[in-house]
Amino acid sequence: MVRKTREEALVTRNAILDAAETVFQEHGVSRTSLAEVAVAAGVTRGAVYWHFTNKAALFDAMVQRVFGLMEAKLDELQHQRHFDDPVEMLRELTFYFLDRVQGDPSYYRILRICWHKCEYVGEMVKIRDQHFEHGRSFLGMGITAFEASRELGFLRPRVDPRTAAIGLMAVVDGLVANWTLDKSIFPLVDAGNEIIDNYLAGLRVPKDR
């Protein structure tokens, strides 16, 4: 009975998160109440509060579903594959990210909400700071990879690892921010992968040298 209750609780929690994605995308985070999320999920408002203490907690849990998958992919790349050039791991991770944003409706909705449908004020400030930590973590990983790549002779000697990592982060963020605003501008995966490859090519030592 306990197992069944836990399974039912998980189903309810996921239904609430799914509903939050839809309602937040349609109305924006600040203009959506937890009561509206409850209606969209087909549950009581009490059920929402049982799983999430407030809107910020609900929003954070919704976003963590994306970051959790990214962290799992990173763990897979770090432990199951060997890369002669550490930057190749960054390349595969960014390609995976763009593919998920374009191909997974949940990814798309969440990134669209984060970029265009959320005001990080009031109770959302703490969530914003947590998301900044995710960004710093990715930046730190990028710096480490570019440093190792330069030491191994794959990058041009004058390339600054921190600047290179900031540049890659800016390219990816810019692609996603613009595509989630208007999908008709460009094909995210096809154009994005080519742009990322062109960016990295400008940092690398030419292969014929």
Protein backbone atom coordinates (compact mmCIF):
# COMPACT_ATOMS: atom_id res chain seq x y z
CA MET A 1 0.00 0.00 0.00
CA VAL A 2 2.85 2.37 0.89
CA ARG A 3 4.54 1.66 -2.44
CA LYS A 4 1.33 2.35 -4.32
CA THR A 5 0.88 5.63 -2.41
CA ARG A 6 4.40 6.74 -3.31
CA GLU A 7 3.81 5.89 -6.95
CA GLU A 8 0.55 7.83 -6.92
CA ALA A 9 2.29 10.78 -5.27
CA LEU A 10 4.93 10.75 -8.00
CA VAL A 11 2.25 10.69 -10.70
CA THR A 12 0.53 13.66 -9.06
CA ARG A 13 3.81 15.55 -8.72
CA ASN A 14 4.67 15.04 -12.38
CA ALA A 15 1.16 16.09 -13.41
CA ILE A 16 1.61 19.32 -11.46
CA LEU A 17 5.00 19.96 -13.07
CA ASP A 18 3.60 19.28 -16.54
CA ALA A 19 0.71 21.65 -15.88
CA ALA A 20 3.08 24.32 -14.60
CA GLU A 21 5.06 24.16 -17.84
CA THR A 22 1.93 24.74 -19.88
CA VAL A 23 0.40 27.48 -17.73
CA PHE A 24 3.67 29.33 -17.09
CA GLN A 25 4.39 29.36 -20.82
CA GLU A 26 0.93 30.67 -21.64
CA HIS A 27 0.56 33.33 -18.95
CA GLY A 28 4.03 33.90 -17.53
CA VAL A 29 5.24 32.91 -14.09
CA SER A 30 4.34 36.09 -12.21
CA ARG A 31 0.78 36.12 -13.59
CA THR A 32 0.06 32.49 -12.76
CA SER A 33 -1.27 31.39 -9.38
CA LEU A 34 -0.83 27.96 -7.85
CA ALA A 35 -4.62 27.63 -7.96
CA GLU A 36 -4.47 27.93 -11.76
CA VAL A 37 -1.75 25.29 -11.88
CA ALA A 38 -3.95 23.02 -9.74
CA VAL A 39 -6.88 23.40 -12.12
CA ALA A 40 -4.68 22.67 -15.14
CA ALA A 41 -3.27 19.58 -13.39
CA GLY A 42 -6.71 18.35 -12.34
CA VAL A 43 -5.78 18.32 -8.64
CA THR A 44 -6.71 20.35 -5.59
CA ARG A 45 -4.74 23.40 -4.51
CA GLY A 46 -3.89 21.49 -1.35
CA ALA A 47 -2.24 18.79 -3.44
CA VAL A 48 -0.01 21.41 -5.06
CA TYR A 49 1.01 22.79 -1.66
CA TRP A 50 1.65 19.28 -0.37
CA HIS A 51 4.33 18.83 -3.04
CA PHE A 52 5.60 22.42 -3.32
CA THR A 53 5.73 25.03 -0.56
CA ASN A 54 5.30 27.96 -2.95
CA LYS A 55 5.53 29.01 -6.59
CA ALA A 56 9.30 29.40 -6.44
CA ALA A 57 9.71 25.80 -5.27
CA LEU A 58 7.44 24.60 -8.08
CA PHE A 59 9.34 26.62 -10.66
CA ASP A 60 12.68 25.34 -9.39
CA ALA A 61 11.52 21.71 -9.52
CA MET A 62 10.29 22.26 -13.06
CA VAL A 63 13.65 23.65 -14.16
CA GLN A 64 15.60 20.93 -12.36
CA ARG A 65 14.02 18.36 -14.65
CA VAL A 66 16.07 19.94 -17.45
CA PHE A 67 19.29 20.43 -15.51
CA GLY A 68 19.04 16.92 -14.14
CA LEU A 69 19.08 15.43 -17.62
CA MET A 70 22.00 17.64 -18.61
CA GLU A 71 23.97 16.53 -15.56
CA ALA A 72 23.21 12.89 -16.37
CA LYS A 73 24.47 13.40 -19.94
CA LEU A 74 27.62 15.09 -18.65
CA ASP A 75 28.24 12.20 -16.29
CA GLU A 76 27.82 9.78 -19.20
CA LEU A 77 30.31 11.68 -21.34
CA GLN A 78 32.84 11.95 -18.53
CA HIS A 79 32.75 8.31 -17.47
CA GLN A 80 31.84 6.33 -20.58
CA ARG A 81 33.84 8.02 -23.31
CA HIS A 82 37.44 9.10 -23.74
CA PHE A 83 38.20 12.31 -25.59
CA ASP A 84 41.68 13.09 -26.89
CA ASP A 85 40.65 16.75 -26.90
CA PRO A 86 38.63 17.74 -23.80
CA VAL A 87 36.80 20.38 -25.84
CA GLU A 88 35.17 17.55 -27.79
CA MET A 89 33.23 16.69 -24.64
CA LEU A 90 31.92 20.27 -24.47
CA ARG A 91 31.00 20.05 -28.14
CA GLU A 92 28.98 16.87 -27.65
CA LEU A 93 27.27 18.27 -24.55
CA THR A 94 26.20 21.44 -26.35
CA PHE A 95 25.00 19.43 -29.35
CA TYR A 96 22.96 17.24 -27.01
CA PHE A 97 21.49 20.32 -25.35
CA LEU A 98 20.41 21.92 -28.62
CA ASP A 99 18.94 18.62 -29.80
CA ARG A 100 16.87 18.30 -26.63
CA VAL A 101 15.64 21.89 -26.82
CA GLN A 102 14.48 21.39 -30.42
CA GLY A 103 13.18 17.85 -30.09
CA ASP A 104 11.74 17.66 -26.57
CA PRO A 105 8.62 19.82 -26.00
CA SER A 106 9.28 19.92 -22.26
CA TYR A 107 12.80 21.25 -22.79
CA TYR A 108 11.47 23.86 -25.19
CA ARG A 109 8.72 25.02 -22.83
CA ILE A 110 11.02 25.29 -19.83
CA LEU A 111 13.74 27.19 -21.68
CA ARG A 112 11.13 29.50 -23.22
CA ILE A 113 9.73 30.19 -19.76
CA CYS A 114 13.17 30.85 -18.28
CA TRP A 115 14.19 33.23 -21.05
CA HIS A 116 10.95 35.00 -21.84
CA LYS A 117 8.22 34.29 -19.31
CA CYS A 118 9.76 34.82 -15.89
CA GLU A 119 10.56 37.92 -13.85
CA TYR A 120 13.23 37.09 -11.29
CA VAL A 121 11.91 39.29 -8.49
CA GLY A 122 10.49 38.65 -5.02
CA GLU A 123 10.49 34.97 -4.14
CA MET A 124 12.07 34.17 -7.50
CA VAL A 125 15.35 35.95 -6.65
CA LYS A 126 16.64 32.92 -4.74
CA ILE A 127 15.83 30.70 -7.72
CA ARG A 128 17.65 33.11 -10.03
CA ASP A 129 20.74 32.85 -7.85
CA GLN A 130 20.54 29.05 -7.96
CA HIS A 131 20.38 29.19 -11.74
CA PHE A 132 23.40 31.48 -11.76
CA GLU A 133 25.24 28.73 -9.89
CA HIS A 134 24.39 26.29 -12.68
CA GLY A 135 25.79 28.78 -15.17
CA ARG A 136 28.97 29.22 -13.14
CA SER A 137 29.34 25.46 -12.90
CA PHE A 138 29.12 25.08 -16.69
CA LEU A 139 31.53 27.99 -17.12
CA GLY A 140 34.02 26.42 -14.72
CA MET A 141 33.80 23.10 -16.52
CA GLY A 142 34.38 24.89 -19.81
CA ILE A 143 37.42 26.74 -18.50
CA THR A 144 38.93 23.47 -17.26
CA ALA A 145 38.33 21.78 -20.61
CA PHE A 146 39.82 24.65 -22.62
CA GLU A 147 42.84 24.82 -20.31
CA ALA A 148 43.50 21.09 -20.76
CA SER A 149 42.94 21.35 -24.50
CA ARG A 150 45.49 24.17 -24.78
CA GLU A 151 48.04 22.26 -22.73
CA LEU A 152 47.62 19.27 -25.06
CA GLY A 153 48.26 21.49 -28.07
CA PHE A 154 44.78 21.46 -29.58
CA LEU A 155 44.12 25.19 -29.05
CA ARG A 156 46.04 28.15 -30.36
CA PRO A 157 48.59 29.24 -27.73
CA ARG A 158 47.11 32.74 -27.39
CA VAL A 159 43.60 31.47 -26.65
CA ASP A 160 42.53 32.40 -23.14
CA PRO A 161 40.56 29.44 -21.67
CA ARG A 162 38.22 31.64 -19.63
CA THR A 163 37.41 33.88 -22.60
CA ALA A 164 36.90 30.81 -24.80
CA ALA A 165 34.49 29.28 -22.28
CA ILE A 166 32.55 32.53 -21.93
CA GLY A 167 32.31 32.74 -25.70
CA LEU A 168 30.92 29.21 -26.03
CA MET A 169 28.40 29.89 -23.28
CA ALA A 170 27.33 33.12 -25.01
CA VAL A 171 26.91 31.34 -28.35
CA VAL A 172 24.73 28.60 -26.87
CA ASP A 173 22.66 31.00 -24.77
CA GLY A 174 22.16 33.33 -27.72
CA LEU A 175 21.02 30.52 -29.99
CA VAL A 176 18.50 29.18 -27.47
CA ALA A 177 17.22 32.60 -26.40
CA ASN A 178 16.51 33.63 -29.99
CA TRP A 179 15.10 30.29 -31.15
CA THR A 180 12.72 29.97 -28.21
CA LEU A 181 11.47 33.45 -29.02
CA ASP A 182 10.77 32.60 -32.66
CA LYS A 183 11.33 29.11 -34.08
CA SER A 184 11.00 30.36 -37.66
CA ILE A 185 14.26 32.35 -37.48
CA PHE A 186 16.53 29.34 -38.04
CA PRO A 187 16.69 25.56 -37.48
CA LEU A 188 18.24 25.30 -34.03
CA VAL A 189 20.14 22.03 -34.40
CA ASP A 190 21.38 22.41 -37.98
CA ALA A 191 22.37 26.06 -37.69
CA GLY A 192 23.44 25.81 -34.07
CA ASN A 193 25.78 22.87 -34.56
CA GLU A 194 27.44 24.57 -37.52
CA ILE A 195 27.85 27.83 -35.61
CA ILE A 196 29.37 26.05 -32.62
CA ASP A 197 31.78 24.13 -34.88
CA ASN A 198 32.80 27.36 -36.60
CA TYR A 199 33.39 29.02 -33.23
CA LEU A 200 35.54 26.15 -31.97
CA ALA A 201 37.44 25.94 -35.25
CA GLY A 202 38.58 29.53 -34.76
CA LEU A 203 40.16 28.55 -31.44
CA ARG A 204 41.88 25.36 -32.54
CA VAL A 205 45.26 24.78 -34.09
CA PRO A 206 44.70 23.88 -37.78
CA LYS A 207 44.93 20.11 -38.28
CA ASP A 208 47.43 20.41 -41.12
CA ARG A 209 50.02 22.04 -38.86
